[in-house]
Amino acid sequence: MDIVLDTVCTFDKVVNQFLAEYCEIGEDLRITDDELFHEFRQYWLQVTHDDHYPALLGQFRVYLTEHGYRSSSGKHPEWYGLTLRKR
């Protein structure tokens, strides 16, 4: 059980860091799920060196939804209220 809790804490921490470092938050912003997840996955690999995390895309989507981000439905969803920072 401690391992599961540690994994969840690590996942939450990495997502929070990603959002803080790579994303802009704002009412009128939006981004495709593919674009956002692609950047998150690259960040995840850089930070954790873990390319076998189970259901990374699904967990990422659940995290965003649980933290108040909305998305469109369908085959190619968009996330509302955030986008990637310009680099």
Protein backbone atom coordinates (compact mmCIF):
# COMPACT_ATOMS: atom_id res chain seq x y z
CA MET A 1 0.00 0.00 0.00
CA ASP A 2 2.84 2.41 0.75
CA ILE A 3 4.21 1.86 -2.74
CA VAL A 4 0.85 2.74 -4.31
CA LEU A 5 0.56 5.90 -2.19
CA ASP A 6 4.13 6.85 -3.03
CA THR A 7 3.45 6.34 -6.74
CA VAL A 8 0.31 8.48 -6.56
CA CYS A 9 2.16 11.22 -4.67
CA THR A 10 4.97 11.14 -7.21
CA PHE A 11 2.53 11.27 -10.11
CA ASP A 12 0.64 14.22 -8.61
CA LYS A 13 3.89 16.04 -7.90
CA VAL A 14 5.16 15.57 -11.45
CA VAL A 15 1.87 16.75 -12.98
CA ASN A 16 1.84 19.80 -10.69
CA GLN A 17 5.42 20.64 -11.67
CA PHE A 18 4.60 20.21 -15.36
CA LEU A 19 1.58 22.50 -15.12
CA ALA A 20 3.57 25.14 -13.22
CA GLU A 21 6.62 25.05 -15.49
CA TYR A 22 5.16 24.37 -18.93
CA CYS A 23 1.57 25.62 -18.96
CA GLU A 24 -0.34 28.86 -18.91
CA ILE A 25 -3.69 28.80 -17.16
CA GLY A 26 -6.52 31.05 -18.32
CA GLU A 27 -10.19 31.10 -19.19
CA ASP A 28 -9.79 31.63 -22.94
CA LEU A 29 -7.00 29.11 -23.47
CA ARG A 30 -7.25 25.67 -25.04
CA ILE A 31 -5.01 22.91 -26.32
CA THR A 32 -5.47 19.57 -28.01
CA ASP A 33 -5.15 16.49 -25.86
CA ASP A 34 -2.49 15.11 -28.21
CA GLU A 35 -0.29 18.20 -27.98
CA LEU A 36 -0.61 18.53 -24.20
CA PHE A 37 0.01 14.85 -23.50
CA HIS A 38 2.97 14.70 -25.89
CA GLU A 39 4.71 17.47 -23.93
CA PHE A 40 3.72 15.93 -20.60
CA ARG A 41 5.06 12.52 -21.60
CA GLN A 42 8.40 14.04 -22.62
CA TYR A 43 8.53 15.87 -19.29
CA TRP A 44 7.57 12.69 -17.41
CA LEU A 45 10.40 10.72 -19.05
CA GLN A 46 12.91 13.50 -18.37
CA VAL A 47 11.96 13.77 -14.69
CA THR A 48 11.22 10.15 -13.74
CA HIS A 49 13.08 8.06 -16.35
CA ASP A 50 10.04 5.74 -16.11
CA ASP A 51 8.69 4.71 -19.50
CA HIS A 52 6.54 1.91 -18.08
CA TYR A 53 4.11 3.87 -15.89
CA PRO A 54 0.74 2.11 -16.26
CA ALA A 55 -1.97 4.04 -18.10
CA LEU A 56 -0.07 7.33 -18.11
CA LEU A 57 -2.47 9.02 -20.56
CA GLY A 58 -5.54 7.89 -18.62
CA GLN A 59 -4.09 8.97 -15.28
CA PHE A 60 -3.10 12.34 -16.75
CA ARG A 61 -6.63 12.91 -18.05
CA VAL A 62 -8.17 11.87 -14.72
CA TYR A 63 -5.84 14.20 -12.82
CA LEU A 64 -6.73 17.18 -15.03
CA THR A 65 -10.45 16.47 -14.71
CA GLU A 66 -10.26 16.02 -10.94
CA HIS A 67 -8.47 19.36 -10.70
CA GLY A 68 -11.16 21.27 -12.55
CA TYR A 69 -9.99 21.25 -16.14
CA ARG A 70 -12.68 20.56 -18.71
CA SER A 71 -12.29 18.83 -22.04
CA SER A 72 -14.36 18.22 -25.12
CA SER A 73 -15.48 14.70 -25.90
CA GLY A 74 -14.82 12.73 -29.02
CA LYS A 75 -11.91 11.16 -30.77
CA HIS A 76 -9.63 14.25 -30.56
CA PRO A 77 -10.49 16.10 -27.33
CA GLU A 78 -9.33 19.59 -26.42
CA TRP A 79 -8.59 20.86 -22.93
CA TYR A 80 -10.01 24.21 -21.91
CA GLY A 81 -8.42 26.68 -19.53
CA LEU A 82 -4.78 25.89 -20.23
CA THR A 83 -2.16 25.76 -22.95
CA LEU A 84 1.59 25.33 -23.28
CA ARG A 85 3.80 28.33 -22.58
CA LYS A 86 5.56 29.82 -25.58
CA ARG A 87 9.23 28.84 -25.56
